[in-house]
PDB file of N, CA and C in Angstrom:
ATOM      1  N   MET A   1       8.940  22.203 -67.766  1.00  0.00           N
ATOM      2  CA  MET A   1       7.540  21.852 -67.582  1.00  0.00           C
ATOM      3  C   MET A   1       7.143  20.899 -68.700  1.00  0.00           C
ATOM      4  N   GLY A   2       6.609  19.746 -68.321  1.00  0.00           N
ATOM      5  CA  GLY A   2       6.191  18.773 -69.307  1.00  0.00           C
ATOM      6  C   GLY A   2       4.844  19.116 -69.903  1.00  0.00           C
ATOM      7  N   CYS A   3       4.546  18.527 -71.038  1.00  0.00           N
ATOM      8  CA  CYS A   3       3.276  18.788 -71.729  1.00  0.00           C
ATOM      9  C   CYS A   3       2.079  18.409 -70.879  1.00  0.00           C
ATOM     10  N   GLU A   4       2.240  17.368 -70.039  1.00  0.00           N
ATOM     11  CA  GLU A   4       1.120  16.933 -69.214  1.00  0.00           C
ATOM     12  C   GLU A   4       0.740  17.965 -68.163  1.00  0.00           C
ATOM     13  N   GLU A   5       1.616  18.910 -67.850  1.00  0.00           N
ATOM     14  CA  GLU A   5       1.335  19.932 -66.850  1.00  0.00           C
ATOM     15  C   GLU A   5       0.610  21.147 -67.439  1.00  0.00           C
ATOM     16  N   LEU A   6       0.680  21.367 -68.716  1.00  0.00           N
ATOM     17  CA  LEU A   6       0.094  22.553 -69.326  1.00  0.00           C
ATOM     18  C   LEU A   6      -1.406  22.701 -69.117  1.00  0.00           C
ATOM     19  N   PRO A   7      -2.211  21.643 -69.257  1.00  0.00           N
ATOM     20  CA  PRO A   7      -3.650  21.832 -69.016  1.00  0.00           C
ATOM     21  C   PRO A   7      -3.938  22.313 -67.591  1.00  0.00           C
ATOM     22  N   LEU A   8      -3.208  21.811 -66.603  1.00  0.00           N
ATOM     23  CA  LEU A   8      -3.416  22.223 -65.222  1.00  0.00           C
ATOM     24  C   LEU A   8      -3.088  23.698 -65.042  1.00  0.00           C
ATOM     25  N   VAL A   9      -2.031  24.160 -65.681  1.00  0.00           N
ATOM     26  CA  VAL A   9      -1.660  25.571 -65.605  1.00  0.00           C
ATOM     27  C   VAL A   9      -2.791  26.437 -66.153  1.00  0.00           C
ATOM     28  N   GLY A  10      -3.388  26.031 -67.246  1.00  0.00           N
ATOM     29  CA  GLY A  10      -4.495  26.777 -67.832  1.00  0.00           C
ATOM     30  C   GLY A  10      -5.723  26.781 -66.942  1.00  0.00           C
ATOM     31  N   ILE A  11      -5.988  25.663 -66.303  1.00  0.00           N
ATOM     32  CA  ILE A  11      -7.141  25.571 -65.399  1.00  0.00           C
ATOM     33  C   ILE A  11      -6.950  26.503 -64.211  1.00  0.00           C
ATOM     34  N   VAL A  12      -5.772  26.467 -63.610  1.00  0.00           N
ATOM     35  CA  VAL A  12      -5.489  27.329 -62.463  1.00  0.00           C
ATOM     36  C   VAL A  12      -5.556  28.799 -62.873  1.00  0.00           C
ATOM     37  N   ALA A  13      -5.023  29.129 -64.031  1.00  0.00           N
ATOM     38  CA  ALA A  13      -5.071  30.518 -64.512  1.00  0.00           C
ATOM     39  C   ALA A  13      -6.520  30.976 -64.687  1.00  0.00           C
ATOM     40  N   GLY A  14      -7.369  30.103 -65.164  1.00  0.00           N
ATOM     41  CA  GLY A  14      -8.786  30.446 -65.327  1.00  0.00           C
ATOM     42  C   GLY A  14      -9.452  30.721 -63.990  1.00  0.00           C
ATOM     43  N   HIS A  15      -9.144  29.891 -62.998  1.00  0.00           N
ATOM     44  CA  HIS A  15      -9.708  30.104 -61.661  1.00  0.00           C
ATOM     45  C   HIS A  15      -9.172  31.400 -61.055  1.00  0.00           C
ATOM     46  N   GLN A  16      -7.903  31.699 -61.269  1.00  0.00           N
ATOM     47  CA  GLN A  16      -7.325  32.935 -60.735  1.00  0.00           C
ATOM     48  C   GLN A  16      -7.968  34.157 -61.391  1.00  0.00           C
ATOM     49  N   ARG A  17      -8.228  34.076 -62.692  1.00  0.00           N
ATOM     50  CA  ARG A  17      -8.877  35.182 -63.396  1.00  0.00           C
ATOM     51  C   ARG A  17     -10.275  35.409 -62.829  1.00  0.00           C
ATOM     52  N   ARG A  18     -10.997  34.315 -62.619  1.00  0.00           N
ATOM     53  CA  ARG A  18     -12.337  34.439 -62.041  1.00  0.00           C
ATOM     54  C   ARG A  18     -12.270  35.004 -60.625  1.00  0.00           C
ATOM     55  N   ALA A  19     -11.270  34.612 -59.852  1.00  0.00           N
ATOM     56  CA  ALA A  19     -11.117  35.123 -58.483  1.00  0.00           C
ATOM     57  C   ALA A  19     -10.927  36.636 -58.496  1.00  0.00           C
ATOM     58  N   ARG A  20     -10.191  37.143 -59.469  1.00  0.00           N
ATOM     59  CA  ARG A  20      -9.967  38.592 -59.563  1.00  0.00           C
ATOM     60  C   ARG A  20     -11.246  39.344 -59.946  1.00  0.00           C
ATOM     61  N   LEU A  21     -12.208  38.641 -60.552  1.00  0.00           N
ATOM     62  CA  LEU A  21     -13.480  39.269 -60.929  1.00  0.00           C
ATOM     63  C   LEU A  21     -14.482  39.319 -59.775  1.00  0.00           C
ATOM     64  N   LEU A  22     -14.279  38.507 -58.748  1.00  0.00           N
ATOM     65  CA  LEU A  22     -15.238  38.441 -57.641  1.00  0.00           C
ATOM     66  C   LEU A  22     -15.511  39.782 -56.967  1.00  0.00           C
ATOM     67  N   PRO A  23     -14.500  40.611 -56.703  1.00  0.00           N
ATOM     68  CA  PRO A  23     -14.800  41.894 -56.051  1.00  0.00           C
ATOM     69  C   PRO A  23     -15.730  42.787 -56.872  1.00  0.00           C
ATOM     70  N   GLY A  24     -15.864  42.544 -58.155  1.00  0.00           N
ATOM     71  CA  GLY A  24     -16.743  43.330 -59.009  1.00  0.00           C
ATOM     72  C   GLY A  24     -18.213  42.928 -58.926  1.00  0.00           C
ATOM     73  N   LEU A  25     -18.498  41.839 -58.230  1.00  0.00           N
ATOM     74  CA  LEU A  25     -19.879  41.399 -58.072  1.00  0.00           C
ATOM     75  C   LEU A  25     -20.580  42.275 -57.036  1.00  0.00           C
ATOM     76  N   SER A  26     -21.901  42.291 -57.090  1.00  0.00           N
ATOM     77  CA  SER A  26     -22.653  43.000 -56.047  1.00  0.00           C
ATOM     78  C   SER A  26     -22.438  42.275 -54.723  1.00  0.00           C
ATOM     79  N   SER A  27     -22.743  42.941 -53.635  1.00  0.00           N
ATOM     80  CA  SER A  27     -22.548  42.312 -52.322  1.00  0.00           C
ATOM     81  C   SER A  27     -23.422  41.061 -52.186  1.00  0.00           C
ATOM     82  N   ARG A  28     -24.630  41.089 -52.712  1.00  0.00           N
ATOM     83  CA  ARG A  28     -25.514  39.921 -52.642  1.00  0.00           C
ATOM     84  C   ARG A  28     -24.959  38.779 -53.491  1.00  0.00           C
ATOM     85  N   GLN A  29     -24.436  39.110 -54.680  1.00  0.00           N
ATOM     86  CA  GLN A  29     -23.853  38.070 -55.530  1.00  0.00           C
ATOM     87  C   GLN A  29     -22.639  37.437 -54.851  1.00  0.00           C
ATOM     88  N   ARG A  30     -21.808  38.263 -54.205  1.00  0.00           N
ATOM     89  CA  ARG A  30     -20.650  37.716 -53.486  1.00  0.00           C
ATOM     90  C   ARG A  30     -21.110  36.804 -52.352  1.00  0.00           C
ATOM     91  N   GLU A  31     -22.152  37.228 -51.648  1.00  0.00           N
ATOM     92  CA  GLU A  31     -22.687  36.427 -50.555  1.00  0.00           C
ATOM     93  C   GLU A  31     -23.184  35.076 -51.082  1.00  0.00           C
ATOM     94  N   VAL A  32     -23.916  35.101 -52.177  1.00  0.00           N
ATOM     95  CA  VAL A  32     -24.411  33.865 -52.782  1.00  0.00           C
ATOM     96  C   VAL A  32     -23.242  33.006 -53.254  1.00  0.00           C
ATOM     97  N   ALA A  33     -22.239  33.619 -53.877  1.00  0.00           N
ATOM     98  CA  ALA A  33     -21.064  32.872 -54.348  1.00  0.00           C
ATOM     99  C   ALA A  33     -20.351  32.184 -53.186  1.00  0.00           C
ATOM    100  N   GLU A  34     -20.220  32.877 -52.069  1.00  0.00           N
ATOM    101  CA  GLU A  34     -19.562  32.283 -50.903  1.00  0.00           C
ATOM    102  C   GLU A  34     -20.377  31.119 -50.347  1.00  0.00           C
ATOM    103  N   LEU A  35     -21.689  31.217 -50.371  1.00  0.00           N
ATOM    104  CA  LEU A  35     -22.537  30.120 -49.909  1.00  0.00           C
ATOM    105  C   LEU A  35     -22.490  28.942 -50.887  1.00  0.00           C
ATOM    106  N   VAL A  36     -22.417  29.242 -52.176  1.00  0.00           N
ATOM    107  CA  VAL A  36     -22.219  28.184 -53.179  1.00  0.00           C
ATOM    108  C   VAL A  36     -20.906  27.469 -52.889  1.00  0.00           C
ATOM    109  N   ALA A  37     -19.864  28.233 -52.598  1.00  0.00           N
ATOM    110  CA  ALA A  37     -18.551  27.651 -52.291  1.00  0.00           C
ATOM    111  C   ALA A  37     -18.606  26.798 -51.033  1.00  0.00           C
ATOM    112  N   GLY A  38     -19.526  27.135 -50.134  1.00  0.00           N
ATOM    113  CA  GLY A  38     -19.708  26.344 -48.924  1.00  0.00           C
ATOM    114  C   GLY A  38     -20.494  25.067 -49.146  1.00  0.00           C
ATOM    115  N   GLY A  39     -20.927  24.854 -50.379  1.00  0.00           N
ATOM    116  CA  GLY A  39     -21.624  23.620 -50.726  1.00  0.00           C
ATOM    117  C   GLY A  39     -23.121  23.645 -50.530  1.00  0.00           C
ATOM    118  N   LEU A  40     -23.694  24.829 -50.272  1.00  0.00           N
ATOM    119  CA  LEU A  40     -25.136  24.917 -50.051  1.00  0.00           C
ATOM    120  C   LEU A  40     -25.900  24.837 -51.372  1.00  0.00           C
ATOM    121  N   SER A  41     -27.067  24.218 -51.295  1.00  0.00           N
ATOM    122  CA  SER A  41     -27.957  24.135 -52.459  1.00  0.00           C
ATOM    123  C   SER A  41     -28.744  25.437 -52.570  1.00  0.00           C
ATOM    124  N   ASP A  42     -29.425  25.616 -53.697  1.00  0.00           N
ATOM    125  CA  ASP A  42     -30.246  26.816 -53.869  1.00  0.00           C
ATOM    126  C   ASP A  42     -31.302  26.954 -52.765  1.00  0.00           C
ATOM    127  N   PRO A  43     -32.036  25.884 -52.431  1.00  0.00           N
ATOM    128  CA  PRO A  43     -33.018  26.028 -51.350  1.00  0.00           C
ATOM    129  C   PRO A  43     -32.370  26.379 -50.000  1.00  0.00           C
ATOM    130  N   GLN A  44     -31.195  25.827 -49.736  1.00  0.00           N
ATOM    131  CA  GLN A  44     -30.501  26.144 -48.486  1.00  0.00           C
ATOM    132  C   GLN A  44     -30.064  27.609 -48.456  1.00  0.00           C
ATOM    133  N   ILE A  45     -29.548  28.085 -49.581  1.00  0.00           N
ATOM    134  CA  ILE A  45     -29.140  29.490 -49.668  1.00  0.00           C
ATOM    135  C   ILE A  45     -30.355  30.391 -49.500  1.00  0.00           C
ATOM    136  N   ALA A  46     -31.439  30.030 -50.154  1.00  0.00           N
ATOM    137  CA  ALA A  46     -32.675  30.818 -50.059  1.00  0.00           C
ATOM    138  C   ALA A  46     -33.132  30.936 -48.609  1.00  0.00           C
ATOM    139  N   SER A  47     -33.113  29.838 -47.904  1.00  0.00           N
ATOM    140  CA  SER A  47     -33.535  29.831 -46.508  1.00  0.00           C
ATOM    141  C   SER A  47     -32.611  30.685 -45.647  1.00  0.00           C
ATOM    142  N   LYS A  48     -31.332  30.573 -45.888  1.00  0.00           N
ATOM    143  CA  LYS A  48     -30.346  31.318 -45.104  1.00  0.00           C
ATOM    144  C   LYS A  48     -30.451  32.826 -45.340  1.00  0.00           C
ATOM    145  N   LEU A  49     -30.735  33.228 -46.579  1.00  0.00           N
ATOM    146  CA  LEU A  49     -30.775  34.648 -46.931  1.00  0.00           C
ATOM    147  C   LEU A  49     -32.192  35.232 -46.925  1.00  0.00           C
ATOM    148  N   PHE A  50     -33.184  34.396 -46.633  1.00  0.00           N
ATOM    149  CA  PHE A  50     -34.581  34.834 -46.606  1.00  0.00           C
ATOM    150  C   PHE A  50     -35.024  35.400 -47.958  1.00  0.00           C
ATOM    151  N   ILE A  51     -34.649  34.681 -49.017  1.00  0.00           N
ATOM    152  CA  ILE A  51     -35.075  35.017 -50.371  1.00  0.00           C
ATOM    153  C   ILE A  51     -35.616  33.743 -51.016  1.00  0.00           C
ATOM    154  N   SER A  52     -36.245  33.877 -52.154  1.00  0.00           N
ATOM    155  CA  SER A  52     -36.820  32.694 -52.808  1.00  0.00           C
ATOM    156  C   SER A  52     -35.739  31.907 -53.551  1.00  0.00           C
ATOM    157  N   PRO A  53     -35.953  30.598 -53.724  1.00  0.00           N
ATOM    158  CA  PRO A  53     -35.012  29.804 -54.519  1.00  0.00           C
ATOM    159  C   PRO A  53     -34.872  30.344 -55.945  1.00  0.00           C
ATOM    160  N   ARG A  54     -35.957  30.896 -56.472  1.00  0.00           N
ATOM    161  CA  ARG A  54     -35.894  31.478 -57.825  1.00  0.00           C
ATOM    162  C   ARG A  54     -34.927  32.671 -57.853  1.00  0.00           C
ATOM    163  N   THR A  55     -34.943  33.484 -56.809  1.00  0.00           N
ATOM    164  CA  THR A  55     -34.020  34.616 -56.724  1.00  0.00           C
ATOM    165  C   THR A  55     -32.580  34.114 -56.589  1.00  0.00           C
ATOM    166  N   VAL A  56     -32.395  33.050 -55.824  1.00  0.00           N
ATOM    167  CA  VAL A  56     -31.058  32.451 -55.703  1.00  0.00           C
ATOM    168  C   VAL A  56     -30.576  31.996 -57.075  1.00  0.00           C
ATOM    169  N   ARG A  57     -31.443  31.313 -57.812  1.00  0.00           N
ATOM    170  CA  ARG A  57     -31.059  30.847 -59.158  1.00  0.00           C
ATOM    171  C   ARG A  57     -30.653  32.020 -60.038  1.00  0.00           C
ATOM    172  N   ALA A  58     -31.363  33.126 -59.920  1.00  0.00           N
ATOM    173  CA  ALA A  58     -31.026  34.313 -60.710  1.00  0.00           C
ATOM    174  C   ALA A  58     -29.660  34.865 -60.298  1.00  0.00           C
ATOM    175  N   HIS A  59     -29.391  34.891 -58.999  1.00  0.00           N
ATOM    176  CA  HIS A  59     -28.077  35.366 -58.535  1.00  0.00           C
ATOM    177  C   HIS A  59     -26.957  34.433 -58.998  1.00  0.00           C
ATOM    178  N   VAL A  60     -27.188  33.125 -58.885  1.00  0.00           N
ATOM    179  CA  VAL A  60     -26.172  32.160 -59.319  1.00  0.00           C
ATOM    180  C   VAL A  60     -25.913  32.314 -60.816  1.00  0.00           C
ATOM    181  N   ALA A  61     -26.973  32.485 -61.591  1.00  0.00           N
ATOM    182  CA  ALA A  61     -26.819  32.685 -63.040  1.00  0.00           C
ATOM    183  C   ALA A  61     -26.012  33.954 -63.321  1.00  0.00           C
ATOM    184  N   GLY A  62     -26.282  35.013 -62.572  1.00  0.00           N
ATOM    185  CA  GLY A  62     -25.529  36.258 -62.737  1.00  0.00           C
ATOM    186  C   GLY A  62     -24.064  36.092 -62.391  1.00  0.00           C
ATOM    187  N   VAL A  63     -23.791  35.362 -61.320  1.00  0.00           N
ATOM    188  CA  VAL A  63     -22.399  35.097 -60.922  1.00  0.00           C
ATOM    189  C   VAL A  63     -21.699  34.283 -62.000  1.00  0.00           C
ATOM    190  N   LEU A  64     -22.350  33.237 -62.459  1.00  0.00           N
ATOM    191  CA  LEU A  64     -21.755  32.412 -63.526  1.00  0.00           C
ATOM    192  C   LEU A  64     -21.426  33.264 -64.751  1.00  0.00           C
ATOM    193  N   ARG A  65     -22.358  34.117 -65.128  1.00  0.00           N
ATOM    194  CA  ARG A  65     -22.167  34.960 -66.310  1.00  0.00           C
ATOM    195  C   ARG A  65     -21.009  35.942 -66.105  1.00  0.00           C
ATOM    196  N   GLN A  66     -21.015  36.637 -64.968  1.00  0.00           N
ATOM    197  CA  GLN A  66     -19.995  37.666 -64.743  1.00  0.00           C
ATOM    198  C   GLN A  66     -18.600  37.074 -64.551  1.00  0.00           C
ATOM    199  N   LEU A  67     -18.528  35.868 -63.977  1.00  0.00           N
ATOM    200  CA  LEU A  67     -17.224  35.235 -63.792  1.00  0.00           C
ATOM    201  C   LEU A  67     -16.813  34.415 -65.012  1.00  0.00           C
ATOM    202  N   GLU A  68     -17.712  34.329 -65.989  1.00  0.00           N
ATOM    203  CA  GLU A  68     -17.480  33.487 -67.168  1.00  0.00           C
ATOM    204  C   GLU A  68     -17.179  32.057 -66.731  1.00  0.00           C
ATOM    205  N   ALA A  69     -17.950  31.605 -65.746  1.00  0.00           N
ATOM    206  CA  ALA A  69     -17.821  30.250 -65.204  1.00  0.00           C
ATOM    207  C   ALA A  69     -18.916  29.379 -65.799  1.00  0.00           C
ATOM    208  N   THR A  70     -18.683  28.088 -65.759  1.00  0.00           N
ATOM    209  CA  THR A  70     -19.662  27.157 -66.321  1.00  0.00           C
ATOM    210  C   THR A  70     -20.287  26.248 -65.275  1.00  0.00           C
ATOM    211  N   SER A  71     -19.808  26.357 -64.023  1.00  0.00           N
ATOM    212  CA  SER A  71     -20.341  25.476 -62.986  1.00  0.00           C
ATOM    213  C   SER A  71     -20.185  26.092 -61.605  1.00  0.00           C
ATOM    214  N   ARG A  72     -20.898  25.518 -60.664  1.00  0.00           N
ATOM    215  CA  ARG A  72     -20.792  25.936 -59.276  1.00  0.00           C
ATOM    216  C   ARG A  72     -19.396  25.621 -58.735  1.00  0.00           C
ATOM    217  N   VAL A  73     -18.779  24.559 -59.250  1.00  0.00           N
ATOM    218  CA  VAL A  73     -17.422  24.205 -58.820  1.00  0.00           C
ATOM    219  C   VAL A  73     -16.452  25.330 -59.196  1.00  0.00           C
ATOM    220  N   GLU A  74     -16.604  25.893 -60.374  1.00  0.00           N
ATOM    221  CA  GLU A  74     -15.738  27.005 -60.779  1.00  0.00           C
ATOM    222  C   GLU A  74     -15.967  28.230 -59.897  1.00  0.00           C
ATOM    223  N   ILE A  75     -17.211  28.457 -59.491  1.00  0.00           N
ATOM    224  CA  ILE A  75     -17.487  29.550 -58.553  1.00  0.00           C
ATOM    225  C   ILE A  75     -16.749  29.274 -57.252  1.00  0.00           C
ATOM    226  N   ALA A  76     -16.860  28.051 -56.751  1.00  0.00           N
ATOM    227  CA  ALA A  76     -16.217  27.693 -55.481  1.00  0.00           C
ATOM    228  C   ALA A  76     -14.705  27.863 -55.555  1.00  0.00           C
ATOM    229  N   CYS A  77     -14.095  27.421 -56.637  1.00  0.00           N
ATOM    230  CA  CYS A  77     -12.644  27.569 -56.788  1.00  0.00           C
ATOM    231  C   CYS A  77     -12.246  29.040 -56.793  1.00  0.00           C
ATOM    232  N   ALA A  78     -13.013  29.861 -57.491  1.00  0.00           N
ATOM    233  CA  ALA A  78     -12.720  31.298 -57.536  1.00  0.00           C
ATOM    234  C   ALA A  78     -12.839  31.922 -56.158  1.00  0.00           C
ATOM    235  N   VAL A  79     -13.874  31.537 -55.412  1.00  0.00           N
ATOM    236  CA  VAL A  79     -14.067  32.090 -54.059  1.00  0.00           C
ATOM    237  C   VAL A  79     -12.894  31.699 -53.160  1.00  0.00           C
ATOM    238  N   VAL A  80     -12.493  30.430 -53.192  1.00  0.00           N
ATOM    239  CA  VAL A  80     -11.388  29.996 -52.350  1.00  0.00           C
ATOM    240  C   VAL A  80     -10.108  30.745 -52.698  1.00  0.00           C
ATOM    241  N   LEU A  81      -9.810  30.868 -53.985  1.00  0.00           N
ATOM    242  CA  LEU A  81      -8.605  31.598 -54.389  1.00  0.00           C
ATOM    243  C   LEU A  81      -8.689  33.067 -54.000  1.00  0.00           C
ATOM    244  N   ALA A  82      -9.873  33.670 -54.101  1.00  0.00           N
ATOM    245  CA  ALA A  82     -10.044  35.076 -53.717  1.00  0.00           C
ATOM    246  C   ALA A  82      -9.849  35.231 -52.219  1.00  0.00           C
ATOM    247  N   GLN A  83     -10.346  34.282 -51.442  1.00  0.00           N
ATOM    248  CA  GLN A  83     -10.173  34.352 -49.985  1.00  0.00           C
ATOM    249  C   GLN A  83      -8.702  34.204 -49.613  1.00  0.00           C
ATOM    250  N   ILE A  84      -8.021  33.249 -50.235  1.00  0.00           N
ATOM    251  CA  ILE A  84      -6.599  33.042 -49.972  1.00  0.00           C
ATOM    252  C   ILE A  84      -5.795  34.270 -50.361  1.00  0.00           C
ATOM    253  N   GLY A  85      -6.164  34.869 -51.485  1.00  0.00           N
ATOM    254  CA  GLY A  85      -5.445  36.043 -51.992  1.00  0.00           C
ATOM    255  C   GLY A  85      -5.854  37.362 -51.342  1.00  0.00           C
ATOM    256  N   GLY A  86      -6.797  37.310 -50.419  1.00  0.00           N
ATOM    257  CA  GLY A  86      -7.219  38.526 -49.733  1.00  0.00           C
ATOM    258  C   GLY A  86      -8.059  39.456 -50.583  1.00  0.00           C
ATOM    259  N   LEU A  87      -8.692  38.926 -51.632  1.00  0.00           N
ATOM    260  CA  LEU A  87      -9.496  39.755 -52.523  1.00  0.00           C
ATOM    261  C   LEU A  87     -10.894  40.016 -51.980  1.00  0.00           C
ATOM    262  N   LEU A  88     -11.319  39.206 -51.033  1.00  0.00           N
ATOM    263  CA  LEU A  88     -12.641  39.382 -50.429  1.00  0.00           C
ATOM    264  C   LEU A  88     -12.439  39.845 -48.991  1.00  0.00           C
ATOM    265  N   GLY A  89     -12.959  41.023 -48.673  1.00  0.00           N
ATOM    266  CA  GLY A  89     -12.752  41.607 -47.351  1.00  0.00           C
ATOM    267  C   GLY A  89     -13.498  41.011 -46.279  1.00  0.00           C
TER     268      GLY A  89
END
């Protein structure tokens, strides 16, 4: 393995770690995370779930905190890996 490959290995490992944390989220947080992974904005998620955009922001913040993620993209990567790995029922 060349040195240029090491950063990618670390990135993938981080996403896999976050994917393993997804089942520990509340059902609403998982639902919001899956909608984030689908590319929906906060207002779109709010409309779909019949909650306020402010509540969506709070759920997204909670997901980011619990997954130790820094962006919606990291949430999306974790969700996809969890789905592929069968971690989300």
